Amino acid sequence: GGFSYSVHGRGCRMVGPDGAEIEMDLLLDGSEAFDAWRLEVFARSVGM
């Protein structure tokens, strides 16, 4: 369907066919994390 992913270090960047970028990291306790920078990248990728 045109969705892509790219794994790096302890995280993964996922992109939708519309260009929406989601980036997450995996913490040592197994929880998924994101920060303000990742929210900004996402916002810009969807025109927000």
ModelCIF file with pLDDT and N, C-alpha, C, O atoms, coordinates in Angstrom:
data_MODEL
#
_entry.id   MODEL 
#
_entity.id                         1 
_entity.type                       polymer 
_entity.pdbx_number_of_molecules   1 
#
_entity_poly.entity_id                      1 
_entity_poly.type                           'polypeptide(L)' 
_entity_poly.nstd_linkage                   no 
_entity_poly.nstd_monomer                   no 
_entity_poly.pdbx_seq_one_letter_code       GGFSYSVHGRGCRMVGPDGAEIEMDLLLDGSEAFDAWRLEVFARSVGM 
_entity_poly.pdbx_seq_one_letter_code_can   GGFSYSVHGRGCRMVGPDGAEIEMDLLLDGSEAFDAWRLEVFARSVGM 
_entity_poly.pdbx_strand_id                 A 
#
loop_
_entity_poly_seq.entity_id 
_entity_poly_seq.num 
_entity_poly_seq.mon_id 
_entity_poly_seq.hetero 
1 1  GLY n 
1 2  GLY n 
1 3  PHE n 
1 4  SER n 
1 5  TYR n 
1 6  SER n 
1 7  VAL n 
1 8  HIS n 
1 9  GLY n 
1 10 ARG n 
1 11 GLY n 
1 12 CYS n 
1 13 ARG n 
1 14 MET n 
1 15 VAL n 
1 16 GLY n 
1 17 PRO n 
1 18 ASP n 
1 19 GLY n 
1 20 ALA n 
1 21 GLU n 
1 22 ILE n 
1 23 GLU n 
1 24 MET n 
1 25 ASP n 
1 26 LEU n 
1 27 LEU n 
1 28 LEU n 
1 29 ASP n 
1 30 GLY n 
1 31 SER n 
1 32 GLU n 
1 33 ALA n 
1 34 PHE n 
1 35 ASP n 
1 36 ALA n 
1 37 TRP n 
1 38 ARG n 
1 39 LEU n 
1 40 GLU n 
1 41 VAL n 
1 42 PHE n 
1 43 ALA n 
1 44 ARG n 
1 45 SER n 
1 46 VAL n 
1 47 GLY n 
1 48 MET n 
#
_struct_asym.id          A 
_struct_asym.entity_id   1 
#
loop_
_ma_qa_metric.id 
_ma_qa_metric.mode 
_ma_qa_metric.name 
_ma_qa_metric.software_group_id 
_ma_qa_metric.type 
1 global pLDDT . pLDDT 
2 local  pLDDT . pLDDT 
#
_ma_qa_metric_global.metric_id      1 
_ma_qa_metric_global.metric_value   93.42 
_ma_qa_metric_global.model_id       1 
_ma_qa_metric_global.ordinal_id     1 
#
loop_
_ma_qa_metric_local.label_asym_id 
_ma_qa_metric_local.label_comp_id 
_ma_qa_metric_local.label_seq_id 
_ma_qa_metric_local.metric_id 
_ma_qa_metric_local.metric_value 
_ma_qa_metric_local.model_id 
_ma_qa_metric_local.ordinal_id 
A GLY 1  2 92.00 1 1  
A GLY 2  2 95.00 1 2  
A PHE 3  2 95.00 1 3  
A SER 4  2 96.00 1 4  
A TYR 5  2 96.00 1 5  
A SER 6  2 97.00 1 6  
A VAL 7  2 96.00 1 7  
A HIS 8  2 94.00 1 8  
A GLY 9  2 90.00 1 9  
A ARG 10 2 91.00 1 10 
A GLY 11 2 94.00 1 11 
A CYS 12 2 96.00 1 12 
A ARG 13 2 96.00 1 13 
A MET 14 2 96.00 1 14 
A VAL 15 2 97.00 1 15 
A GLY 16 2 96.00 1 16 
A PRO 17 2 96.00 1 17 
A ASP 18 2 95.00 1 18 
A GLY 19 2 96.00 1 19 
A ALA 20 2 96.00 1 20 
A GLU 21 2 97.00 1 21 
A ILE 22 2 96.00 1 22 
A GLU 23 2 95.00 1 23 
A MET 24 2 94.00 1 24 
A ASP 25 2 95.00 1 25 
A LEU 26 2 91.00 1 26 
A LEU 27 2 93.00 1 27 
A LEU 28 2 89.00 1 28 
A ASP 29 2 90.00 1 29 
A GLY 30 2 86.00 1 30 
A SER 31 2 92.00 1 31 
A GLU 32 2 92.00 1 32 
A ALA 33 2 94.00 1 33 
A PHE 34 2 92.00 1 34 
A ASP 35 2 91.00 1 35 
A ALA 36 2 89.00 1 36 
A TRP 37 2 90.00 1 37 
A ARG 38 2 92.00 1 38 
A LEU 39 2 92.00 1 39 
A GLU 40 2 91.00 1 40 
A VAL 41 2 93.00 1 41 
A PHE 42 2 94.00 1 42 
A ALA 43 2 93.00 1 43 
A ARG 44 2 93.00 1 44 
A SER 45 2 95.00 1 45 
A VAL 46 2 94.00 1 46 
A GLY 47 2 92.00 1 47 
A MET 48 2 89.00 1 48 
#
loop_
_atom_site.group_PDB 
_atom_site.id 
_atom_site.type_symbol 
_atom_site.label_atom_id 
_atom_site.label_alt_id 
_atom_site.label_comp_id 
_atom_site.label_asym_id 
_atom_site.label_entity_id 
_atom_site.label_seq_id 
_atom_site.pdbx_PDB_ins_code 
_atom_site.Cartn_x 
_atom_site.Cartn_y 
_atom_site.Cartn_z 
_atom_site.occupancy 
_atom_site.B_iso_or_equiv 
_atom_site.pdbx_formal_charge 
_atom_site.auth_seq_id 
_atom_site.auth_comp_id 
_atom_site.auth_asym_id 
_atom_site.auth_atom_id 
_atom_site.pdbx_PDB_model_num 
ATOM 1   N N  . GLY A 1 1  ? 0.788  -1.224 0.000  1.00 92.00 ? 1  GLY A N  1 
ATOM 2   C CA . GLY A 1 1  ? 0.000  0.000  0.000  1.00 92.00 ? 1  GLY A CA 1 
ATOM 3   C C  . GLY A 1 1  ? 0.825  1.281  0.000  1.00 92.00 ? 1  GLY A C  1 
ATOM 4   O O  . GLY A 1 1  ? 0.265  2.375  0.074  1.00 92.00 ? 1  GLY A O  1 
ATOM 5   N N  . GLY A 1 2  ? 2.161  1.159  -0.082 1.00 95.00 ? 2  GLY A N  1 
ATOM 6   C CA . GLY A 1 2  ? 3.004  2.347  -0.133 1.00 95.00 ? 2  GLY A CA 1 
ATOM 7   C C  . GLY A 1 2  ? 3.474  2.852  1.215  1.00 95.00 ? 2  GLY A C  1 
ATOM 8   O O  . GLY A 1 2  ? 4.041  3.942  1.296  1.00 95.00 ? 2  GLY A O  1 
ATOM 9   N N  . PHE A 1 3  ? 3.256  2.095  2.269  1.00 95.00 ? 3  PHE A N  1 
ATOM 10  C CA . PHE A 1 3  ? 3.764  2.455  3.598  1.00 95.00 ? 3  PHE A CA 1 
ATOM 11  C C  . PHE A 1 3  ? 5.186  1.914  3.700  1.00 95.00 ? 3  PHE A C  1 
ATOM 12  O O  . PHE A 1 3  ? 5.456  0.791  3.273  1.00 95.00 ? 3  PHE A O  1 
ATOM 13  N N  . SER A 1 4  ? 6.096  2.707  4.265  1.00 96.00 ? 4  SER A N  1 
ATOM 14  C CA . SER A 1 4  ? 7.482  2.246  4.348  1.00 96.00 ? 4  SER A CA 1 
ATOM 15  C C  . SER A 1 4  ? 8.007  2.379  5.778  1.00 96.00 ? 4  SER A C  1 
ATOM 16  O O  . SER A 1 4  ? 7.435  3.077  6.615  1.00 96.00 ? 4  SER A O  1 
ATOM 17  N N  . TYR A 1 5  ? 9.110  1.687  6.022  1.00 96.00 ? 5  TYR A N  1 
ATOM 18  C CA . TYR A 1 5  ? 9.752  1.757  7.326  1.00 96.00 ? 5  TYR A CA 1 
ATOM 19  C C  . TYR A 1 5  ? 11.254 1.726  7.136  1.00 96.00 ? 5  TYR A C  1 
ATOM 20  O O  . TYR A 1 5  ? 11.760 1.257  6.117  1.00 96.00 ? 5  TYR A O  1 
ATOM 21  N N  . SER A 1 6  ? 11.957 2.236  8.135  1.00 97.00 ? 6  SER A N  1 
ATOM 22  C CA . SER A 1 6  ? 13.409 2.217  8.163  1.00 97.00 ? 6  SER A CA 1 
ATOM 23  C C  . SER A 1 6  ? 13.838 2.070  9.621  1.00 97.00 ? 6  SER A C  1 
ATOM 24  O O  . SER A 1 6  ? 13.554 2.937  10.447 1.00 97.00 ? 6  SER A O  1 
ATOM 25  N N  . VAL A 1 7  ? 14.516 0.980  9.931  1.00 96.00 ? 7  VAL A N  1 
ATOM 26  C CA . VAL A 1 7  ? 14.955 0.711  11.301 1.00 96.00 ? 7  VAL A CA 1 
ATOM 27  C C  . VAL A 1 7  ? 16.345 1.305  11.505 1.00 96.00 ? 7  VAL A C  1 
ATOM 28  O O  . VAL A 1 7  ? 17.218 1.180  10.646 1.00 96.00 ? 7  VAL A O  1 
ATOM 29  N N  . HIS A 1 8  ? 16.537 1.946  12.643 1.00 94.00 ? 8  HIS A N  1 
ATOM 30  C CA . HIS A 1 8  ? 17.826 2.543  13.005 1.00 94.00 ? 8  HIS A CA 1 
ATOM 31  C C  . HIS A 1 8  ? 18.055 2.344  14.488 1.00 94.00 ? 8  HIS A C  1 
ATOM 32  O O  . HIS A 1 8  ? 17.149 2.579  15.288 1.00 94.00 ? 8  HIS A O  1 
ATOM 33  N N  . GLY A 1 9  ? 19.221 1.926  14.863 1.00 90.00 ? 9  GLY A N  1 
ATOM 34  C CA . GLY A 1 9  ? 19.557 1.793  16.279 1.00 90.00 ? 9  GLY A CA 1 
ATOM 35  C C  . GLY A 1 9  ? 18.462 1.143  17.094 1.00 90.00 ? 9  GLY A C  1 
ATOM 36  O O  . GLY A 1 9  ? 18.150 -0.031 16.898 1.00 90.00 ? 9  GLY A O  1 
ATOM 37  N N  . ARG A 1 10 ? 17.877 1.899  18.007 1.00 91.00 ? 10 ARG A N  1 
ATOM 38  C CA . ARG A 1 10 ? 16.785 1.408  18.857 1.00 91.00 ? 10 ARG A CA 1 
ATOM 39  C C  . ARG A 1 10 ? 15.445 1.973  18.427 1.00 91.00 ? 10 ARG A C  1 
ATOM 40  O O  . ARG A 1 10 ? 14.530 2.084  19.243 1.00 91.00 ? 10 ARG A O  1 
ATOM 41  N N  . GLY A 1 11 ? 15.312 2.333  17.152 1.00 94.00 ? 11 GLY A N  1 
ATOM 42  C CA . GLY A 1 11 ? 14.067 2.937  16.720 1.00 94.00 ? 11 GLY A CA 1 
ATOM 43  C C  . GLY A 1 11 ? 13.693 2.604  15.297 1.00 94.00 ? 11 GLY A C  1 
ATOM 44  O O  . GLY A 1 11 ? 14.364 1.834  14.610 1.00 94.00 ? 11 GLY A O  1 
ATOM 45  N N  . CYS A 1 12 ? 12.595 3.213  14.877 1.00 96.00 ? 12 CYS A N  1 
ATOM 46  C CA . CYS A 1 12 ? 12.067 2.955  13.550 1.00 96.00 ? 12 CYS A CA 1 
ATOM 47  C C  . CYS A 1 12 ? 11.342 4.195  13.040 1.00 96.00 ? 12 CYS A C  1 
ATOM 48  O O  . CYS A 1 12 ? 10.585 4.831  13.773 1.00 96.00 ? 12 CYS A O  1 
ATOM 49  N N  . ARG A 1 13 ? 11.581 4.524  11.793 1.00 96.00 ? 13 ARG A N  1 
ATOM 50  C CA . ARG A 1 13 ? 10.877 5.611  11.109 1.00 96.00 ? 13 ARG A CA 1 
ATOM 51  C C  . ARG A 1 13 ? 9.884  4.962  10.160 1.00 96.00 ? 13 ARG A C  1 
ATOM 52  O O  . ARG A 1 13 ? 10.257 4.121  9.342  1.00 96.00 ? 13 ARG A O  1 
ATOM 53  N N  . MET A 1 14 ? 8.617  5.351  10.267 1.00 96.00 ? 14 MET A N  1 
ATOM 54  C CA . MET A 1 14 ? 7.562  4.817  9.414  1.00 96.00 ? 14 MET A CA 1 
ATOM 55  C C  . MET A 1 14 ? 6.945  5.975  8.639  1.00 96.00 ? 14 MET A C  1 
ATOM 56  O O  . MET A 1 14 ? 6.727  7.054  9.191  1.00 96.00 ? 14 MET A O  1 
ATOM 57  N N  . VAL A 1 15 ? 6.666  5.748  7.359  1.00 97.00 ? 15 VAL A N  1 
ATOM 58  C CA . VAL A 1 15 ? 6.128  6.807  6.509  1.00 97.00 ? 15 VAL A CA 1 
ATOM 59  C C  . VAL A 1 15 ? 4.921  6.265  5.754  1.00 97.00 ? 15 VAL A C  1 
ATOM 60  O O  . VAL A 1 15 ? 4.956  5.173  5.187  1.00 97.00 ? 15 VAL A O  1 
ATOM 61  N N  . GLY A 1 16 ? 3.853  7.060  5.763  1.00 96.00 ? 16 GLY A N  1 
ATOM 62  C CA . GLY A 1 16 ? 2.661  6.700  5.011  1.00 96.00 ? 16 GLY A CA 1 
ATOM 63  C C  . GLY A 1 16 ? 2.783  7.146  3.569  1.00 96.00 ? 16 GLY A C  1 
ATOM 64  O O  . GLY A 1 16 ? 3.666  7.940  3.248  1.00 96.00 ? 16 GLY A O  1 
ATOM 65  N N  . PRO A 1 17 ? 1.919  6.656  2.688  1.00 96.00 ? 17 PRO A N  1 
ATOM 66  C CA . PRO A 1 17 ? 1.971  7.044  1.285  1.00 96.00 ? 17 PRO A CA 1 
ATOM 67  C C  . PRO A 1 17 ? 1.731  8.542  1.080  1.00 96.00 ? 17 PRO A C  1 
ATOM 68  O O  . PRO A 1 17 ? 2.091  9.094  0.040  1.00 96.00 ? 17 PRO A O  1 
ATOM 69  N N  . ASP A 1 18 ? 1.122  9.197  2.073  1.00 95.00 ? 18 ASP A N  1 
ATOM 70  C CA . ASP A 1 18 ? 0.875  10.640 2.004  1.00 95.00 ? 18 ASP A CA 1 
ATOM 71  C C  . ASP A 1 18 ? 2.059  11.447 2.525  1.00 95.00 ? 18 ASP A C  1 
ATOM 72  O O  . ASP A 1 18 ? 2.002  12.677 2.547  1.00 95.00 ? 18 ASP A O  1 
ATOM 73  N N  . GLY A 1 19 ? 3.141  10.769 2.948  1.00 96.00 ? 19 GLY A N  1 
ATOM 74  C CA . GLY A 1 19 ? 4.335  11.449 3.440  1.00 96.00 ? 19 GLY A CA 1 
ATOM 75  C C  . GLY A 1 19 ? 4.366  11.653 4.949  1.00 96.00 ? 19 GLY A C  1 
ATOM 76  O O  . GLY A 1 19 ? 5.345  12.183 5.474  1.00 96.00 ? 19 GLY A O  1 
ATOM 77  N N  . ALA A 1 20 ? 3.317  11.243 5.655  1.00 96.00 ? 20 ALA A N  1 
ATOM 78  C CA . ALA A 1 20 ? 3.290  11.382 7.112  1.00 96.00 ? 20 ALA A CA 1 
ATOM 79  C C  . ALA A 1 20 ? 4.411  10.547 7.719  1.00 96.00 ? 20 ALA A C  1 
ATOM 80  O O  . ALA A 1 20 ? 4.512  9.349  7.457  1.00 96.00 ? 20 ALA A O  1 
ATOM 81  N N  . GLU A 1 21 ? 5.257  11.188 8.537  1.00 97.00 ? 21 GLU A N  1 
ATOM 82  C CA . GLU A 1 21 ? 6.408  10.521 9.152  1.00 97.00 ? 21 GLU A CA 1 
ATOM 83  C C  . GLU A 1 21 ? 6.172  10.302 10.642 1.00 97.00 ? 21 GLU A C  1 
ATOM 84  O O  . GLU A 1 21 ? 5.847  11.231 11.382 1.00 97.00 ? 21 GLU A O  1 
ATOM 85  N N  . ILE A 1 22 ? 6.340  9.073  11.054 1.00 96.00 ? 22 ILE A N  1 
ATOM 86  C CA . ILE A 1 22 ? 6.241  8.714  12.465 1.00 96.00 ? 22 ILE A CA 1 
ATOM 87  C C  . ILE A 1 22 ? 7.557  8.064  12.853 1.00 96.00 ? 22 ILE A C  1 
ATOM 88  O O  . ILE A 1 22 ? 8.006  7.120  12.203 1.00 96.00 ? 22 ILE A O  1 
ATOM 89  N N  . GLU A 1 23 ? 8.165  8.563  13.895 1.00 95.00 ? 23 GLU A N  1 
ATOM 90  C CA . GLU A 1 23 ? 9.424  7.995  14.367 1.00 95.00 ? 23 GLU A CA 1 
ATOM 91  C C  . GLU A 1 23 ? 9.281  7.657  15.835 1.00 95.00 ? 23 GLU A C  1 
ATOM 92  O O  . GLU A 1 23 ? 8.813  8.472  16.630 1.00 95.00 ? 23 GLU A O  1 
ATOM 93  N N  . MET A 1 24 ? 9.688  6.442  16.190 1.00 94.00 ? 24 MET A N  1 
ATOM 94  C CA . MET A 1 24 ? 9.598  5.971  17.569 1.00 94.00 ? 24 MET A CA 1 
ATOM 95  C C  . MET A 1 24 ? 10.916 5.320  17.955 1.00 94.00 ? 24 MET A C  1 
ATOM 96  O O  . MET A 1 24 ? 11.626 4.779  17.108 1.00 94.00 ? 24 MET A O  1 
ATOM 97  N N  . ASP A 1 25 ? 11.232 5.378  19.233 1.00 95.00 ? 25 ASP A N  1 
ATOM 98  C CA . ASP A 1 25 ? 12.381 4.671  19.783 1.00 95.00 ? 25 ASP A CA 1 
ATOM 99  C C  . ASP A 1 25 ? 11.876 3.665  20.806 1.00 95.00 ? 25 ASP A C  1 
ATOM 100 O O  . ASP A 1 25 ? 10.805 3.838  21.388 1.00 95.00 ? 25 ASP A O  1 
ATOM 101 N N  . LEU A 1 26 ? 12.654 2.618  21.019 1.00 91.00 ? 26 LEU A N  1 
ATOM 102 C CA . LEU A 1 26 ? 12.332 1.613  22.022 1.00 91.00 ? 26 LEU A CA 1 
ATOM 103 C C  . LEU A 1 26 ? 13.235 1.837  23.228 1.00 91.00 ? 26 LEU A C  1 
ATOM 104 O O  . LEU A 1 26 ? 14.460 1.838  23.103 1.00 91.00 ? 26 LEU A O  1 
ATOM 105 N N  . LEU A 1 27 ? 12.632 2.027  24.386 1.00 93.00 ? 27 LEU A N  1 
ATOM 106 C CA . LEU A 1 27 ? 13.410 2.215  25.608 1.00 93.00 ? 27 LEU A CA 1 
ATOM 107 C C  . LEU A 1 27 ? 13.842 0.867  26.177 1.00 93.00 ? 27 LEU A C  1 
ATOM 108 O O  . LEU A 1 27 ? 13.326 -0.175 25.771 1.00 93.00 ? 27 LEU A O  1 
ATOM 109 N N  . LEU A 1 28 ? 14.767 0.886  27.095 1.00 89.00 ? 28 LEU A N  1 
ATOM 110 C CA . LEU A 1 28 ? 15.293 -0.354 27.672 1.00 89.00 ? 28 LEU A CA 1 
ATOM 111 C C  . LEU A 1 28 ? 14.221 -1.193 28.360 1.00 89.00 ? 28 LEU A C  1 
ATOM 112 O O  . LEU A 1 28 ? 14.333 -2.418 28.411 1.00 89.00 ? 28 LEU A O  1 
ATOM 113 N N  . ASP A 1 29 ? 13.180 -0.545 28.890 1.00 90.00 ? 29 ASP A N  1 
ATOM 114 C CA . ASP A 1 29 ? 12.118 -1.291 29.567 1.00 90.00 ? 29 ASP A CA 1 
ATOM 115 C C  . ASP A 1 29 ? 11.070 -1.842 28.594 1.00 90.00 ? 29 ASP A C  1 
ATOM 116 O O  . ASP A 1 29 ? 10.080 -2.438 29.018 1.00 90.00 ? 29 ASP A O  1 
ATOM 117 N N  . GLY A 1 30 ? 11.291 -1.641 27.280 1.00 86.00 ? 30 GLY A N  1 
ATOM 118 C CA . GLY A 1 30 ? 10.371 -2.174 26.276 1.00 86.00 ? 30 GLY A CA 1 
ATOM 119 C C  . GLY A 1 30 ? 9.279  -1.207 25.853 1.00 86.00 ? 30 GLY A C  1 
ATOM 120 O O  . GLY A 1 30 ? 8.498  -1.515 24.953 1.00 86.00 ? 30 GLY A O  1 
ATOM 121 N N  . SER A 1 31 ? 9.212  -0.047 26.482 1.00 92.00 ? 31 SER A N  1 
ATOM 122 C CA . SER A 1 31 ? 8.184  0.922  26.087 1.00 92.00 ? 31 SER A CA 1 
ATOM 123 C C  . SER A 1 31 ? 8.654  1.733  24.882 1.00 92.00 ? 31 SER A C  1 
ATOM 124 O O  . SER A 1 31 ? 9.851  1.911  24.656 1.00 92.00 ? 31 SER A O  1 
ATOM 125 N N  . GLU A 1 32 ? 7.686  2.215  24.121 1.00 92.00 ? 32 GLU A N  1 
ATOM 126 C CA . GLU A 1 32 ? 7.968  3.025  22.939 1.00 92.00 ? 32 GLU A CA 1 
ATOM 127 C C  . GLU A 1 32 ? 7.953  4.490  23.325 1.00 92.00 ? 32 GLU A C  1 
ATOM 128 O O  . GLU A 1 32 ? 7.143  4.917  24.148 1.00 92.00 ? 32 GLU A O  1 
ATOM 129 N N  . ALA A 1 33 ? 8.857  5.264  22.723 1.00 94.00 ? 33 ALA A N  1 
ATOM 130 C CA . ALA A 1 33 ? 8.984  6.667  23.117 1.00 94.00 ? 33 ALA A CA 1 
ATOM 131 C C  . ALA A 1 33 ? 9.128  7.570  21.899 1.00 94.00 ? 33 ALA A C  1 
ATOM 132 O O  . ALA A 1 33 ? 9.598  7.164  20.837 1.00 94.00 ? 33 ALA A O  1 
ATOM 133 N N  . PHE A 1 34 ? 8.706  8.804  22.100 1.00 92.00 ? 34 PHE A N  1 
ATOM 134 C CA . PHE A 1 34 ? 8.911  9.865  21.116 1.00 92.00 ? 34 PHE A CA 1 
ATOM 135 C C  . PHE A 1 34 ? 9.108  11.146 21.901 1.00 92.00 ? 34 PHE A C  1 
ATOM 136 O O  . PHE A 1 34 ? 8.809  11.205 23.094 1.00 92.00 ? 34 PHE A O  1 
ATOM 137 N N  . ASP A 1 35 ? 9.609  12.168 21.232 1.00 91.00 ? 35 ASP A N  1 
ATOM 138 C CA . ASP A 1 35 ? 9.875  13.429 21.916 1.00 91.00 ? 35 ASP A CA 1 
ATOM 139 C C  . ASP A 1 35 ? 9.344  14.592 21.092 1.00 91.00 ? 35 ASP A C  1 
ATOM 140 O O  . ASP A 1 35 ? 8.704  14.400 20.058 1.00 91.00 ? 35 ASP A O  1 
ATOM 141 N N  . ALA A 1 36 ? 9.618  15.798 21.566 1.00 89.00 ? 36 ALA A N  1 
ATOM 142 C CA . ALA A 1 36 ? 9.112  16.999 20.894 1.00 89.00 ? 36 ALA A CA 1 
ATOM 143 C C  . ALA A 1 36 ? 9.641  17.114 19.467 1.00 89.00 ? 36 ALA A C  1 
ATOM 144 O O  . ALA A 1 36 ? 8.913  17.546 18.573 1.00 89.00 ? 36 ALA A O  1 
ATOM 145 N N  . TRP A 1 37 ? 10.889 16.734 19.245 1.00 90.00 ? 37 TRP A N  1 
ATOM 146 C CA . TRP A 1 37 ? 11.457 16.791 17.895 1.00 90.00 ? 37 TRP A CA 1 
ATOM 147 C C  . TRP A 1 37 ? 10.683 15.873 16.952 1.00 90.00 ? 37 TRP A C  1 
ATOM 148 O O  . TRP A 1 37 ? 10.383 16.262 15.824 1.00 90.00 ? 37 TRP A O  1 
ATOM 149 N N  . ARG A 1 38 ? 10.360 14.666 17.397 1.00 92.00 ? 38 ARG A N  1 
ATOM 150 C CA . ARG A 1 38 ? 9.609  13.730 16.556 1.00 92.00 ? 38 ARG A CA 1 
ATOM 151 C C  . ARG A 1 38 ? 8.200  14.249 16.279 1.00 92.00 ? 38 ARG A C  1 
ATOM 152 O O  . ARG A 1 38 ? 7.672  14.057 15.183 1.00 92.00 ? 38 ARG A O  1 
ATOM 153 N N  . LEU A 1 39 ? 7.595  14.898 17.256 1.00 92.00 ? 39 LEU A N  1 
ATOM 154 C CA . LEU A 1 39 ? 6.276  15.499 17.027 1.00 92.00 ? 39 LEU A CA 1 
ATOM 155 C C  . LEU A 1 39 ? 6.372  16.613 15.991 1.00 92.00 ? 39 LEU A C  1 
ATOM 156 O O  . LEU A 1 39 ? 5.482  16.764 15.154 1.00 92.00 ? 39 LEU A O  1 
ATOM 157 N N  . GLU A 1 40 ? 7.443  17.389 16.046 1.00 91.00 ? 40 GLU A N  1 
ATOM 158 C CA . GLU A 1 40 ? 7.635  18.466 15.074 1.00 91.00 ? 40 GLU A CA 1 
ATOM 159 C C  . GLU A 1 40 ? 7.830  17.910 13.667 1.00 91.00 ? 40 GLU A C  1 
ATOM 160 O O  . GLU A 1 40 ? 7.242  18.421 12.714 1.00 91.00 ? 40 GLU A O  1 
ATOM 161 N N  . VAL A 1 41 ? 8.641  16.881 13.528 1.00 93.00 ? 41 VAL A N  1 
ATOM 162 C CA . VAL A 1 41 ? 8.857  16.252 12.220 1.00 93.00 ? 41 VAL A CA 1 
ATOM 163 C C  . VAL A 1 41 ? 7.534  15.739 11.666 1.00 93.00 ? 41 VAL A C  1 
ATOM 164 O O  . VAL A 1 41 ? 7.225  15.937 10.491 1.00 93.00 ? 41 VAL A O  1 
ATOM 165 N N  . PHE A 1 42 ? 6.758  15.081 12.517 1.00 94.00 ? 42 PHE A N  1 
ATOM 166 C CA . PHE A 1 42 ? 5.450  14.589 12.088 1.00 94.00 ? 42 PHE A CA 1 
ATOM 167 C C  . PHE A 1 42 ? 4.556  15.746 11.638 1.00 94.00 ? 42 PHE A C  1 
ATOM 168 O O  . PHE A 1 42 ? 3.965  15.699 10.559 1.00 94.00 ? 42 PHE A O  1 
ATOM 169 N N  . ALA A 1 43 ? 4.462  16.772 12.465 1.00 93.00 ? 43 ALA A N  1 
ATOM 170 C CA . ALA A 1 43 ? 3.590  17.914 12.145 1.00 93.00 ? 43 ALA A CA 1 
ATOM 171 C C  . ALA A 1 43 ? 3.950  18.506 10.786 1.00 93.00 ? 43 ALA A C  1 
ATOM 172 O O  . ALA A 1 43 ? 3.068  18.748 9.962  1.00 93.00 ? 43 ALA A O  1 
ATOM 173 N N  . ARG A 1 44 ? 5.203  18.733 10.553 1.00 93.00 ? 44 ARG A N  1 
ATOM 174 C CA . ARG A 1 44 ? 5.632  19.292 9.266  1.00 93.00 ? 44 ARG A CA 1 
ATOM 175 C C  . ARG A 1 44 ? 5.316  18.349 8.111  1.00 93.00 ? 44 ARG A C  1 
ATOM 176 O O  . ARG A 1 44 ? 4.960  18.800 7.022  1.00 93.00 ? 44 ARG A O  1 
ATOM 177 N N  . SER A 1 45 ? 5.444  17.031 8.342  1.00 95.00 ? 45 SER A N  1 
ATOM 178 C CA . SER A 1 45 ? 5.214  16.060 7.270  1.00 95.00 ? 45 SER A CA 1 
ATOM 179 C C  . SER A 1 45 ? 3.755  16.007 6.821  1.00 95.00 ? 45 SER A C  1 
ATOM 180 O O  . SER A 1 45 ? 3.464  15.605 5.695  1.00 95.00 ? 45 SER A O  1 
ATOM 181 N N  . VAL A 1 46 ? 2.840  16.411 7.701  1.00 94.00 ? 46 VAL A N  1 
ATOM 182 C CA . VAL A 1 46 ? 1.416  16.406 7.342  1.00 94.00 ? 46 VAL A CA 1 
ATOM 183 C C  . VAL A 1 46 ? 0.864  17.814 7.137  1.00 94.00 ? 46 VAL A C  1 
ATOM 184 O O  . VAL A 1 46 ? -0.348 18.004 7.029  1.00 94.00 ? 46 VAL A O  1 
ATOM 185 N N  . GLY A 1 47 ? 1.764  18.800 7.084  1.00 92.00 ? 47 GLY A N  1 
ATOM 186 C CA . GLY A 1 47 ? 1.336  20.167 6.810  1.00 92.00 ? 47 GLY A CA 1 
ATOM 187 C C  . GLY A 1 47 ? 0.743  20.898 7.993  1.00 92.00 ? 47 GLY A C  1 
ATOM 188 O O  . GLY A 1 47 ? 0.025  21.882 7.813  1.00 92.00 ? 47 GLY A O  1 
ATOM 189 N N  . MET A 1 48 ? 1.026  20.440 9.197  1.00 89.00 ? 48 MET A N  1 
ATOM 190 C CA . MET A 1 48 ? 0.541  21.113 10.401 1.00 89.00 ? 48 MET A CA 1 
ATOM 191 C C  . MET A 1 48 ? 1.633  22.025 10.938 1.00 89.00 ? 48 MET A C  1 
ATOM 192 O O  . MET A 1 48 ? 1.436  22.692 11.953 1.00 89.00 ? 48 MET A O  1 
#
